Protein backbone atom coordinates (compact mmCIF):
# COMPACT_ATOMS: atom_id res chain seq x y z
CA MET A 1 27.78 57.79 42.66
CA LYS A 2 31.41 58.52 41.55
CA PHE A 3 33.11 56.23 39.10
CA PHE A 4 36.72 55.73 37.88
CA TYR A 5 37.21 54.68 34.39
CA VAL A 6 39.88 52.54 32.86
CA TYR A 7 40.19 53.22 29.13
CA ILE A 8 42.00 52.08 25.98
CA LEU A 9 42.93 54.44 23.17
CA GLU A 10 44.06 53.35 19.84
CA SER A 11 46.45 55.59 17.82
CA LEU A 12 45.16 56.02 14.29
CA LYS A 13 48.67 57.11 13.36
CA ASP A 14 50.62 53.91 14.35
CA GLY A 15 47.91 51.45 15.57
CA ASN A 16 49.36 51.19 19.02
CA HIS A 17 47.21 51.21 22.21
CA TYR A 18 47.43 53.43 25.31
CA THR A 19 45.84 52.28 28.62
CA GLY A 20 44.97 54.78 31.44
CA TYR A 21 42.47 55.58 34.09
CA THR A 22 40.55 58.72 35.09
CA GLU A 23 37.61 60.12 36.97
CA ASN A 24 36.27 62.03 34.10
CA LEU A 25 36.51 60.05 30.84
CA ARG A 26 35.21 62.75 28.57
CA SER A 27 37.57 65.47 29.83
CA ARG A 28 40.60 63.08 29.85
CA PHE A 29 39.92 62.05 26.21
CA GLU A 30 39.69 65.70 25.20
CA GLN A 31 43.10 66.22 26.90
CA HIS A 32 44.47 63.43 24.84
CA GLU A 33 42.87 64.81 21.63
CA LYS A 34 44.37 68.31 22.27
CA GLY A 35 47.83 66.96 22.79
CA GLU A 36 48.01 67.86 26.47
CA VAL A 37 49.06 64.37 27.55
CA ASP A 38 52.87 63.79 26.97
CA SER A 39 52.57 59.97 26.31
CA THR A 40 50.00 60.38 23.47
CA LYS A 41 50.61 63.80 21.93
CA ASN A 42 52.72 62.50 19.11
CA ARG A 43 50.45 59.51 18.52
CA ARG A 44 47.32 61.49 17.54
CA PRO A 45 44.65 61.15 16.20
CA LEU A 46 43.44 58.71 18.80
CA LYS A 47 40.16 56.72 19.07
CA LEU A 48 38.54 55.51 22.33
CA ILE A 49 38.05 51.81 21.78
CA TYR A 50 37.32 50.39 25.25
CA PHE A 51 36.44 51.50 28.76
CA GLU A 52 35.30 50.02 32.06
CA GLY A 53 33.80 51.73 35.17
CA CYS A 54 35.04 51.04 38.59
CA LEU A 55 33.58 51.99 41.96
CA ASN A 56 36.81 53.24 43.46
CA GLN A 57 40.14 54.45 42.47
CA LYS A 58 42.05 51.50 43.92
CA ASP A 59 40.12 49.03 41.77
CA ALA A 60 40.67 51.20 38.67
CA LEU A 61 44.41 51.31 39.22
CA ARG A 62 44.49 47.62 39.82
CA ARG A 63 42.51 47.04 36.59
CA GLU A 64 44.76 49.42 34.63
CA LYS A 65 47.84 47.53 35.80
CA TYR A 66 46.29 44.23 34.91
CA LEU A 67 45.31 45.37 31.33
CA LYS A 68 48.97 46.26 30.78
CA THR A 69 50.22 42.69 31.54
CA HIS A 70 50.45 39.84 29.13
CA TYR A 71 47.20 38.31 30.50
CA GLY A 72 45.46 41.60 30.28
CA ASN A 73 46.53 41.99 26.66
CA MET A 74 45.18 38.55 26.01
CA PHE A 75 41.84 39.55 27.66
CA LEU A 76 41.62 42.74 25.52
CA LYS A 77 42.54 40.86 22.35
CA LYS A 78 39.55 38.48 22.89
CA ARG A 79 37.33 41.23 24.07
CA LEU A 80 38.02 43.46 21.04
CA LYS A 81 38.20 40.58 18.57
CA SER A 82 35.21 41.85 16.55
CA TYR A 83 36.50 45.42 16.62
CA SER A 84 39.94 44.50 15.24
CA THR A 85 38.33 42.42 12.46
CA GLY A 86 36.04 45.32 11.52
CA GLN A 87 32.88 43.56 12.60
CA VAL A 88 31.74 46.07 15.26
């Protein structure tokens, strides 16, 4: 079965987050780490802090868009609460 992943990266340089989606999470993260992705190349090093698997591309794109909204940010803040307080 093929999955599509929505993921959140945290910049260890500035603390900001990047949200994206991909079919191959490992390969995409390596691209980010190598500076091959324009939107994150100047924000390295990066850390993968969250991901979700979706059964199709349409759902992954919808979820990515949601996570970039105000309500999506609120969801992530609650979901990652123990991470941001160092209690992971």
